[in-house]
mmCIF file of all heavy atoms, coordinates in Angstrom:
data_MODEL
# 
_entry.id   MODEL 
# 
loop_
_atom_site.group_PDB 
_atom_site.id 
_atom_site.type_symbol 
_atom_site.label_atom_id 
_atom_site.label_alt_id 
_atom_site.label_comp_id 
_atom_site.label_asym_id 
_atom_site.label_entity_id 
_atom_site.label_seq_id 
_atom_site.pdbx_PDB_ins_code 
_atom_site.Cartn_x 
_atom_site.Cartn_y 
_atom_site.Cartn_z 
_atom_site.occupancy 
_atom_site.B_iso_or_equiv 
_atom_site.pdbx_formal_charge 
_atom_site.auth_seq_id 
_atom_site.auth_comp_id 
_atom_site.auth_asym_id 
_atom_site.auth_atom_id 
_atom_site.pdbx_PDB_model_num 
ATOM 1   N N   . ILE A 1 1  ? -6.641 14.846 23.569 1.00 0.00 ? 1  ILE A N   1 
ATOM 2   C CA  . ILE A 1 1  ? -5.204 14.989 23.842 1.00 0.00 ? 1  ILE A CA  1 
ATOM 3   C C   . ILE A 1 1  ? -4.587 13.630 24.147 1.00 0.00 ? 1  ILE A C   1 
ATOM 4   O O   . ILE A 1 1  ? -3.522 13.274 23.610 1.00 0.00 ? 1  ILE A O   1 
ATOM 5   C CB  . ILE A 1 1  ? -4.989 15.956 25.026 1.00 0.00 ? 1  ILE A CB  1 
ATOM 6   C CG1 . ILE A 1 1  ? -5.489 17.352 24.674 1.00 0.00 ? 1  ILE A CG1 1 
ATOM 7   C CG2 . ILE A 1 1  ? -3.521 16.006 25.413 1.00 0.00 ? 1  ILE A CG2 1 
ATOM 8   C CD1 . ILE A 1 1  ? -5.429 18.315 25.846 1.00 0.00 ? 1  ILE A CD1 1 
ATOM 9   N N   . THR A 1 2  ? -5.253 12.853 25.006 1.00 0.00 ? 2  THR A N   1 
ATOM 10  C CA  . THR A 1 2  ? -4.740 11.527 25.358 1.00 0.00 ? 2  THR A CA  1 
ATOM 11  C C   . THR A 1 2  ? -4.675 10.623 24.142 1.00 0.00 ? 2  THR A C   1 
ATOM 12  O O   . THR A 1 2  ? -3.685 9.904  23.937 1.00 0.00 ? 2  THR A O   1 
ATOM 13  C CB  . THR A 1 2  ? -5.640 10.894 26.433 1.00 0.00 ? 2  THR A CB  1 
ATOM 14  O OG1 . THR A 1 2  ? -5.819 11.804 27.513 1.00 0.00 ? 2  THR A OG1 1 
ATOM 15  C CG2 . THR A 1 2  ? -5.023 9.612  26.962 1.00 0.00 ? 2  THR A CG2 1 
ATOM 16  N N   . ALA A 1 3  ? -5.721 10.654 23.300 1.00 0.00 ? 3  ALA A N   1 
ATOM 17  C CA  . ALA A 1 3  ? -5.739 9.821  22.095 1.00 0.00 ? 3  ALA A CA  1 
ATOM 18  C C   . ALA A 1 3  ? -4.626 10.216 21.138 1.00 0.00 ? 3  ALA A C   1 
ATOM 19  O O   . ALA A 1 3  ? -3.979 9.350  20.526 1.00 0.00 ? 3  ALA A O   1 
ATOM 20  C CB  . ALA A 1 3  ? -7.097 9.926  21.410 1.00 0.00 ? 3  ALA A CB  1 
ATOM 21  N N   . SER A 1 4  ? -4.375 11.521 20.997 1.00 0.00 ? 4  SER A N   1 
ATOM 22  C CA  . SER A 1 4  ? -3.302 11.982 20.108 1.00 0.00 ? 4  SER A CA  1 
ATOM 23  C C   . SER A 1 4  ? -1.936 11.514 20.603 1.00 0.00 ? 4  SER A C   1 
ATOM 24  O O   . SER A 1 4  ? -1.088 11.074 19.809 1.00 0.00 ? 4  SER A O   1 
ATOM 25  C CB  . SER A 1 4  ? -3.331 13.510 19.995 1.00 0.00 ? 4  SER A CB  1 
ATOM 26  O OG  . SER A 1 4  ? -4.559 13.963 19.500 1.00 0.00 ? 4  SER A OG  1 
ATOM 27  N N   . ILE A 1 5  ? -1.721 11.593 21.928 1.00 0.00 ? 5  ILE A N   1 
ATOM 28  C CA  . ILE A 1 5  ? -0.445 11.154 22.492 1.00 0.00 ? 5  ILE A CA  1 
ATOM 29  C C   . ILE A 1 5  ? -0.266 9.652  22.304 1.00 0.00 ? 5  ILE A C   1 
ATOM 30  O O   . ILE A 1 5  ? 0.814  9.176  21.916 1.00 0.00 ? 5  ILE A O   1 
ATOM 31  C CB  . ILE A 1 5  ? -0.367 11.537 23.982 1.00 0.00 ? 5  ILE A CB  1 
ATOM 32  C CG1 . ILE A 1 5  ? -0.344 13.047 24.146 1.00 0.00 ? 5  ILE A CG1 1 
ATOM 33  C CG2 . ILE A 1 5  ? 0.876  10.926 24.626 1.00 0.00 ? 5  ILE A CG2 1 
ATOM 34  C CD1 . ILE A 1 5  ? -0.445 13.510 25.584 1.00 0.00 ? 5  ILE A CD1 1 
ATOM 35  N N   . ILE A 1 6  ? -1.334 8.878  22.554 1.00 0.00 ? 6  ILE A N   1 
ATOM 36  C CA  . ILE A 1 6  ? -1.257 7.425  22.395 1.00 0.00 ? 6  ILE A CA  1 
ATOM 37  C C   . ILE A 1 6  ? -0.967 7.055  20.942 1.00 0.00 ? 6  ILE A C   1 
ATOM 38  O O   . ILE A 1 6  ? -0.127 6.192  20.659 1.00 0.00 ? 6  ILE A O   1 
ATOM 39  C CB  . ILE A 1 6  ? -2.569 6.760  22.871 1.00 0.00 ? 6  ILE A CB  1 
ATOM 40  C CG1 . ILE A 1 6  ? -2.709 6.898  24.390 1.00 0.00 ? 6  ILE A CG1 1 
ATOM 41  C CG2 . ILE A 1 6  ? -2.607 5.284  22.486 1.00 0.00 ? 6  ILE A CG2 1 
ATOM 42  C CD1 . ILE A 1 6  ? -4.030 6.395  24.932 1.00 0.00 ? 6  ILE A CD1 1 
ATOM 43  N N   . THR A 1 7  ? -1.650 7.705  20.005 1.00 0.00 ? 7  THR A N   1 
ATOM 44  C CA  . THR A 1 7  ? -1.418 7.427  18.577 1.00 0.00 ? 7  THR A CA  1 
ATOM 45  C C   . THR A 1 7  ? 0.022  7.741  18.189 1.00 0.00 ? 7  THR A C   1 
ATOM 46  O O   . THR A 1 7  ? 0.641  7.002  17.420 1.00 0.00 ? 7  THR A O   1 
ATOM 47  C CB  . THR A 1 7  ? -2.388 8.253  17.717 1.00 0.00 ? 7  THR A CB  1 
ATOM 48  O OG1 . THR A 1 7  ? -3.730 7.987  18.132 1.00 0.00 ? 7  THR A OG1 1 
ATOM 49  C CG2 . THR A 1 7  ? -2.253 7.884  16.252 1.00 0.00 ? 7  THR A CG2 1 
ATOM 50  N N   . GLN A 1 8  ? 0.550  8.833  18.741 1.00 0.00 ? 8  GLN A N   1 
ATOM 51  C CA  . GLN A 1 8  ? 1.924  9.211  18.428 1.00 0.00 ? 8  GLN A CA  1 
ATOM 52  C C   . GLN A 1 8  ? 2.919  8.206  19.014 1.00 0.00 ? 8  GLN A C   1 
ATOM 53  O O   . GLN A 1 8  ? 3.902  7.832  18.363 1.00 0.00 ? 8  GLN A O   1 
ATOM 54  C CB  . GLN A 1 8  ? 2.199  10.608 18.966 1.00 0.00 ? 8  GLN A CB  1 
ATOM 55  C CG  . GLN A 1 8  ? 3.416  11.276 18.353 1.00 0.00 ? 8  GLN A CG  1 
ATOM 56  C CD  . GLN A 1 8  ? 3.466  12.752 18.680 1.00 0.00 ? 8  GLN A CD  1 
ATOM 57  O OE1 . GLN A 1 8  ? 2.812  13.211 19.606 1.00 0.00 ? 8  GLN A OE1 1 
ATOM 58  N NE2 . GLN A 1 8  ? 4.255  13.505 17.948 1.00 0.00 ? 8  GLN A NE2 1 
ATOM 59  N N   . LEU A 1 9  ? 2.651  7.746  20.237 1.00 0.00 ? 9  LEU A N   1 
ATOM 60  C CA  . LEU A 1 9  ? 3.555  6.776  20.861 1.00 0.00 ? 9  LEU A CA  1 
ATOM 61  C C   . LEU A 1 9  ? 3.464  5.408  20.194 1.00 0.00 ? 9  LEU A C   1 
ATOM 62  O O   . LEU A 1 9  ? 4.459  4.661  20.158 1.00 0.00 ? 9  LEU A O   1 
ATOM 63  C CB  . LEU A 1 9  ? 3.241  6.644  22.352 1.00 0.00 ? 9  LEU A CB  1 
ATOM 64  C CG  . LEU A 1 9  ? 3.494  7.879  23.221 1.00 0.00 ? 9  LEU A CG  1 
ATOM 65  C CD1 . LEU A 1 9  ? 3.085  7.619  24.656 1.00 0.00 ? 9  LEU A CD1 1 
ATOM 66  C CD2 . LEU A 1 9  ? 4.963  8.287  23.153 1.00 0.00 ? 9  LEU A CD2 1 
ATOM 67  N N   . LEU A 1 10 ? 2.295  5.057  19.650 1.00 0.00 ? 10 LEU A N   1 
ATOM 68  C CA  . LEU A 1 10 ? 2.131  3.756  19.005 1.00 0.00 ? 10 LEU A CA  1 
ATOM 69  C C   . LEU A 1 10 ? 2.923  3.648  17.707 1.00 0.00 ? 10 LEU A C   1 
ATOM 70  O O   . LEU A 1 10 ? 3.126  2.537  17.209 1.00 0.00 ? 10 LEU A O   1 
ATOM 71  C CB  . LEU A 1 10 ? 0.648  3.489  18.720 1.00 0.00 ? 10 LEU A CB  1 
ATOM 72  C CG  . LEU A 1 10 ? -0.221 3.107  19.929 1.00 0.00 ? 10 LEU A CG  1 
ATOM 73  C CD1 . LEU A 1 10 ? -1.666 2.914  19.512 1.00 0.00 ? 10 LEU A CD1 1 
ATOM 74  C CD2 . LEU A 1 10 ? 0.306  1.847  20.599 1.00 0.00 ? 10 LEU A CD2 1 
ATOM 75  N N   . ARG A 1 11 ? 3.369  4.772  17.163 1.00 0.00 ? 11 ARG A N   1 
ATOM 76  C CA  . ARG A 1 11 ? 4.218  4.720  15.963 1.00 0.00 ? 11 ARG A CA  1 
ATOM 77  C C   . ARG A 1 11 ? 5.505  3.966  16.237 1.00 0.00 ? 11 ARG A C   1 
ATOM 78  O O   . ARG A 1 11 ? 6.070  3.348  15.322 1.00 0.00 ? 11 ARG A O   1 
ATOM 79  C CB  . ARG A 1 11 ? 4.539  6.133  15.496 1.00 0.00 ? 11 ARG A CB  1 
ATOM 80  C CG  . ARG A 1 11 ? 3.385  6.833  14.783 1.00 0.00 ? 11 ARG A CG  1 
ATOM 81  C CD  . ARG A 1 11 ? 3.677  8.304  14.576 1.00 0.00 ? 11 ARG A CD  1 
ATOM 82  N NE  . ARG A 1 11 ? 5.069  8.536  14.227 1.00 0.00 ? 11 ARG A NE  1 
ATOM 83  C CZ  . ARG A 1 11 ? 5.668  9.711  14.326 1.00 0.00 ? 11 ARG A CZ  1 
ATOM 84  N NH1 . ARG A 1 11 ? 5.001  10.745 14.822 1.00 0.00 ? 11 ARG A NH1 1 
ATOM 85  N NH2 . ARG A 1 11 ? 6.921  9.856  13.968 1.00 0.00 ? 11 ARG A NH2 1 
ATOM 86  N N   . VAL A 1 12 ? 5.971  4.008  17.494 1.00 0.00 ? 12 VAL A N   1 
ATOM 87  C CA  . VAL A 1 12 ? 7.210  3.302  17.842 1.00 0.00 ? 12 VAL A CA  1 
ATOM 88  C C   . VAL A 1 12 ? 6.954  1.808  17.985 1.00 0.00 ? 12 VAL A C   1 
ATOM 89  O O   . VAL A 1 12 ? 7.840  0.990  17.705 1.00 0.00 ? 12 VAL A O   1 
ATOM 90  C CB  . VAL A 1 12 ? 7.775  3.881  19.161 1.00 0.00 ? 12 VAL A CB  1 
ATOM 91  C CG1 . VAL A 1 12 ? 9.117  3.245  19.499 1.00 0.00 ? 12 VAL A CG1 1 
ATOM 92  C CG2 . VAL A 1 12 ? 7.924  5.384  19.058 1.00 0.00 ? 12 VAL A CG2 1 
ATOM 93  N N   . VAL A 1 13 ? 5.737  1.438  18.386 1.00 0.00 ? 13 VAL A N   1 
ATOM 94  C CA  . VAL A 1 13 ? 5.417  0.038  18.686 1.00 0.00 ? 13 VAL A CA  1 
ATOM 95  C C   . VAL A 1 13 ? 4.819  -0.683 17.478 1.00 0.00 ? 13 VAL A C   1 
ATOM 96  O O   . VAL A 1 13 ? 5.171  -1.826 17.194 1.00 0.00 ? 13 VAL A O   1 
ATOM 97  C CB  . VAL A 1 13 ? 4.440  -0.027 19.887 1.00 0.00 ? 13 VAL A CB  1 
ATOM 98  C CG1 . VAL A 1 13 ? 4.136  -1.476 20.251 1.00 0.00 ? 13 VAL A CG1 1 
ATOM 99  C CG2 . VAL A 1 13 ? 5.009  0.718  21.086 1.00 0.00 ? 13 VAL A CG2 1 
ATOM 100 N N   . ILE A 1 14 ? 3.919  -0.008 16.757 1.00 0.00 ? 14 ILE A N   1 
ATOM 101 C CA  . ILE A 1 14 ? 3.209  -0.627 15.641 1.00 0.00 ? 14 ILE A CA  1 
ATOM 102 C C   . ILE A 1 14 ? 3.799  -0.111 14.323 1.00 0.00 ? 14 ILE A C   1 
ATOM 103 O O   . ILE A 1 14 ? 3.684  1.079  14.010 1.00 0.00 ? 14 ILE A O   1 
ATOM 104 C CB  . ILE A 1 14 ? 1.699  -0.319 15.711 1.00 0.00 ? 14 ILE A CB  1 
ATOM 105 C CG1 . ILE A 1 14 ? 1.127  -0.797 17.050 1.00 0.00 ? 14 ILE A CG1 1 
ATOM 106 C CG2 . ILE A 1 14 ? 0.950  -0.970 14.562 1.00 0.00 ? 14 ILE A CG2 1 
ATOM 107 C CD1 . ILE A 1 14 ? -0.335 -0.467 17.255 1.00 0.00 ? 14 ILE A CD1 1 
ATOM 108 N N   . PRO A 1 15 ? 4.429  -0.970 13.523 1.00 0.00 ? 15 PRO A N   1 
ATOM 109 C CA  . PRO A 1 15 ? 5.041  -0.516 12.253 1.00 0.00 ? 15 PRO A CA  1 
ATOM 110 C C   . PRO A 1 15 ? 4.018  0.080  11.279 1.00 0.00 ? 15 PRO A C   1 
ATOM 111 O O   . PRO A 1 15 ? 4.357  0.976  10.502 1.00 0.00 ? 15 PRO A O   1 
ATOM 112 C CB  . PRO A 1 15 ? 5.665  -1.800 11.687 1.00 0.00 ? 15 PRO A CB  1 
ATOM 113 C CG  . PRO A 1 15 ? 5.848  -2.705 12.865 1.00 0.00 ? 15 PRO A CG  1 
ATOM 114 C CD  . PRO A 1 15 ? 4.729  -2.387 13.786 1.00 0.00 ? 15 PRO A CD  1 
ATOM 115 N N   . HIS A 1 16 ? 2.772  -0.411 11.324 1.00 0.00 ? 16 HIS A N   1 
ATOM 116 C CA  . HIS A 1 16 ? 1.754  0.103  10.401 1.00 0.00 ? 16 HIS A CA  1 
ATOM 117 C C   . HIS A 1 16 ? 1.502  1.599  10.637 1.00 0.00 ? 16 HIS A C   1 
ATOM 118 O O   . HIS A 1 16 ? 1.312  2.362  9.679  1.00 0.00 ? 16 HIS A O   1 
ATOM 119 C CB  . HIS A 1 16 ? 0.456  -0.690 10.581 1.00 0.00 ? 16 HIS A CB  1 
ATOM 120 C CG  . HIS A 1 16 ? -0.675 -0.188 9.732  1.00 0.00 ? 16 HIS A CG  1 
ATOM 121 N ND1 . HIS A 1 16 ? -0.640 -0.216 8.350  1.00 0.00 ? 16 HIS A ND1 1 
ATOM 122 C CD2 . HIS A 1 16 ? -1.882 0.369  10.071 1.00 0.00 ? 16 HIS A CD2 1 
ATOM 123 C CE1 . HIS A 1 16 ? -1.771 0.296  7.863  1.00 0.00 ? 16 HIS A CE1 1 
ATOM 124 N NE2 . HIS A 1 16 ? -2.533 0.657  8.890  1.00 0.00 ? 16 HIS A NE2 1 
ATOM 125 N N   . PHE A 1 17 ? 1.524  2.014  11.894 1.00 0.00 ? 17 PHE A N   1 
ATOM 126 C CA  . PHE A 1 17 ? 1.318  3.427  12.199 1.00 0.00 ? 17 PHE A CA  1 
ATOM 127 C C   . PHE A 1 17 ? 2.480  4.277  11.672 1.00 0.00 ? 17 PHE A C   1 
ATOM 128 O O   . PHE A 1 17 ? 2.261  5.391  11.180 1.00 0.00 ? 17 PHE A O   1 
ATOM 129 C CB  . PHE A 1 17 ? 1.171  3.621  13.715 1.00 0.00 ? 17 PHE A CB  1 
ATOM 130 C CG  . PHE A 1 17 ? -0.212 3.333  14.234 1.00 0.00 ? 17 PHE A CG  1 
ATOM 131 C CD1 . PHE A 1 17 ? -0.957 2.283  13.711 1.00 0.00 ? 17 PHE A CD1 1 
ATOM 132 C CD2 . PHE A 1 17 ? -0.771 4.097  15.231 1.00 0.00 ? 17 PHE A CD2 1 
ATOM 133 C CE1 . PHE A 1 17 ? -2.227 2.007  14.178 1.00 0.00 ? 17 PHE A CE1 1 
ATOM 134 C CE2 . PHE A 1 17 ? -2.047 3.841  15.708 1.00 0.00 ? 17 PHE A CE2 1 
ATOM 135 C CZ  . PHE A 1 17 ? -2.777 2.783  15.177 1.00 0.00 ? 17 PHE A CZ  1 
ATOM 136 N N   . GLU A 1 18 ? 3.698  3.754  11.787 1.00 0.00 ? 18 GLU A N   1 
ATOM 137 C CA  . GLU A 1 18 ? 4.858  4.481  11.262 1.00 0.00 ? 18 GLU A CA  1 
ATOM 138 C C   . GLU A 1 18 ? 4.792  4.572  9.742  1.00 0.00 ? 18 GLU A C   1 
ATOM 139 O O   . GLU A 1 18 ? 5.144  5.608  9.147  1.00 0.00 ? 18 GLU A O   1 
ATOM 140 C CB  . GLU A 1 18 ? 6.139  3.780  11.709 1.00 0.00 ? 18 GLU A CB  1 
ATOM 141 C CG  . GLU A 1 18 ? 7.421  4.487  11.290 1.00 0.00 ? 18 GLU A CG  1 
ATOM 142 C CD  . GLU A 1 18 ? 7.582  5.838  11.964 1.00 0.00 ? 18 GLU A CD  1 
ATOM 143 O OE1 . GLU A 1 18 ? 7.022  6.044  13.057 1.00 0.00 ? 18 GLU A OE1 1 
ATOM 144 O OE2 . GLU A 1 18 ? 8.283  6.687  11.378 1.00 0.00 ? 18 GLU A OE2 1 
ATOM 145 N N   . THR A 1 19 ? 4.315  3.504  9.105  1.00 0.00 ? 19 THR A N   1 
ATOM 146 C CA  . THR A 1 19 ? 4.158  3.528  7.650  1.00 0.00 ? 19 THR A CA  1 
ATOM 147 C C   . THR A 1 19 ? 3.135  4.573  7.232  1.00 0.00 ? 19 THR A C   1 
ATOM 148 O O   . THR A 1 19 ? 3.344  5.323  6.263  1.00 0.00 ? 19 THR A O   1 
ATOM 149 C CB  . THR A 1 19 ? 3.717  2.142  7.145  1.00 0.00 ? 19 THR A CB  1 
ATOM 150 O OG1 . THR A 1 19 ? 4.674  1.165  7.573  1.00 0.00 ? 19 THR A OG1 1 
ATOM 151 C CG2 . THR A 1 19 ? 3.634  2.125  5.624  1.00 0.00 ? 19 THR A CG2 1 
ATOM 152 N N   . LEU A 1 20 ? 2.018  4.634  7.948  1.00 0.00 ? 20 LEU A N   1 
ATOM 153 C CA  . LEU A 1 20 ? 1.001  5.643  7.647  1.00 0.00 ? 20 LEU A CA  1 
ATOM 154 C C   . LEU A 1 20 ? 1.551  7.055  7.834  1.00 0.00 ? 20 LEU A C   1 
ATOM 155 O O   . LEU A 1 20 ? 1.229  7.967  7.054  1.00 0.00 ? 20 LEU A O   1 
ATOM 156 C CB  . LEU A 1 20 ? -0.225 5.442  8.537  1.00 0.00 ? 20 LEU A CB  1 
ATOM 157 C CG  . LEU A 1 20 ? -1.107 4.222  8.255  1.00 0.00 ? 20 LEU A CG  1 
ATOM 158 C CD1 . LEU A 1 20 ? -2.209 4.107  9.299  1.00 0.00 ? 20 LEU A CD1 1 
ATOM 159 C CD2 . LEU A 1 20 ? -1.723 4.316  6.864  1.00 0.00 ? 20 LEU A CD2 1 
ATOM 160 N N   . HIS A 1 21 ? 2.381  7.236  8.850  1.00 0.00 ? 21 HIS A N   1 
ATOM 161 C CA  . HIS A 1 21 ? 2.959  8.555  9.107  1.00 0.00 ? 21 HIS A CA  1 
ATOM 162 C C   . HIS A 1 21 ? 3.846  9.014  7.952  1.00 0.00 ? 21 HIS A C   1 
ATOM 163 O O   . HIS A 1 21 ? 3.912  10.216 7.653  1.00 0.00 ? 21 HIS A O   1 
ATOM 164 C CB  . HIS A 1 21 ? 3.760  8.513  10.412 1.00 0.00 ? 21 HIS A CB  1 
ATOM 165 C CG  . HIS A 1 21 ? 4.451  9.803  10.742 1.00 0.00 ? 21 HIS A CG  1 
ATOM 166 N ND1 . HIS A 1 21 ? 3.765  10.929 11.138 1.00 0.00 ? 21 HIS A ND1 1 
ATOM 167 C CD2 . HIS A 1 21 ? 5.772  10.151 10.720 1.00 0.00 ? 21 HIS A CD2 1 
ATOM 168 C CE1 . HIS A 1 21 ? 4.621  11.920 11.350 1.00 0.00 ? 21 HIS A CE1 1 
ATOM 169 N NE2 . HIS A 1 21 ? 5.836  11.470 11.110 1.00 0.00 ? 21 HIS A NE2 1 
ATOM 170 N N   . LYS A 1 22 ? 4.507  8.079  7.292  1.00 0.00 ? 22 LYS A N   1 
ATOM 171 C CA  . LYS A 1 22 ? 5.415  8.423  6.197  1.00 0.00 ? 22 LYS A CA  1 
ATOM 172 C C   . LYS A 1 22 ? 4.709  8.523  4.847  1.00 0.00 ? 22 LYS A C   1 
ATOM 173 O O   . LYS A 1 22 ? 5.346  8.890  3.855  1.00 0.00 ? 22 LYS A O   1 
ATOM 174 C CB  . LYS A 1 22 ? 6.529  7.376  6.103  1.00 0.00 ? 22 LYS A CB  1 
ATOM 175 C CG  . LYS A 1 22 ? 7.452  7.354  7.316  1.00 0.00 ? 22 LYS A CG  1 
ATOM 176 C CD  . LYS A 1 22 ? 8.509  6.284  7.176  1.00 0.00 ? 22 LYS A CD  1 
ATOM 177 C CE  . LYS A 1 22 ? 9.438  6.257  8.383  1.00 0.00 ? 22 LYS A CE  1 
ATOM 178 N NZ  . LYS A 1 22 ? 10.471 5.194  8.270  1.00 0.00 ? 22 LYS A NZ  1 
ATOM 179 N N   . GLU A 1 23 ? 3.419  8.188  4.780  1.00 0.00 ? 23 GLU A N   1 
ATOM 180 C CA  . GLU A 1 23 ? 2.704  8.195  3.506  1.00 0.00 ? 23 GLU A CA  1 
ATOM 181 C C   . GLU A 1 23 ? 2.182  9.566  3.106  1.00 0.00 ? 23 GLU A C   1 
ATOM 182 O O   . GLU A 1 23 ? 1.525  9.688  2.084  1.00 0.00 ? 23 GLU A O   1 
ATOM 183 C CB  . GLU A 1 23 ? 1.531  7.207  3.566  1.00 0.00 ? 23 GLU A CB  1 
ATOM 184 C CG  . GLU A 1 23 ? 1.952  5.754  3.452  1.00 0.00 ? 23 GLU A CG  1 
ATOM 185 C CD  . GLU A 1 23 ? 0.760  4.816  3.468  1.00 0.00 ? 23 GLU A CD  1 
ATOM 186 O OE1 . GLU A 1 23 ? -0.386 5.319  3.587  1.00 0.00 ? 23 GLU A OE1 1 
ATOM 187 O OE2 . GLU A 1 23 ? 0.964  3.595  3.368  1.00 0.00 ? 23 GLU A OE2 1 
ATOM 188 N N   . GLY A 1 24 ? 2.420  10.567 3.907  1.00 0.00 ? 24 GLY A N   1 
ATOM 189 C CA  . GLY A 1 24 ? 1.968  11.903 3.550  1.00 0.00 ? 24 GLY A CA  1 
ATOM 190 C C   . GLY A 1 24 ? 0.545  12.177 3.993  1.00 0.00 ? 24 GLY A C   1 
ATOM 191 O O   . GLY A 1 24 ? 0.091  11.723 5.045  1.00 0.00 ? 24 GLY A O   1 
# 
């Protein structure tokens, strides 16, 4: 649960994570 929340919050900080989120 903690890892999932951290990964979700890192989308705001790390652009690469946001890019991965939009790749399907």
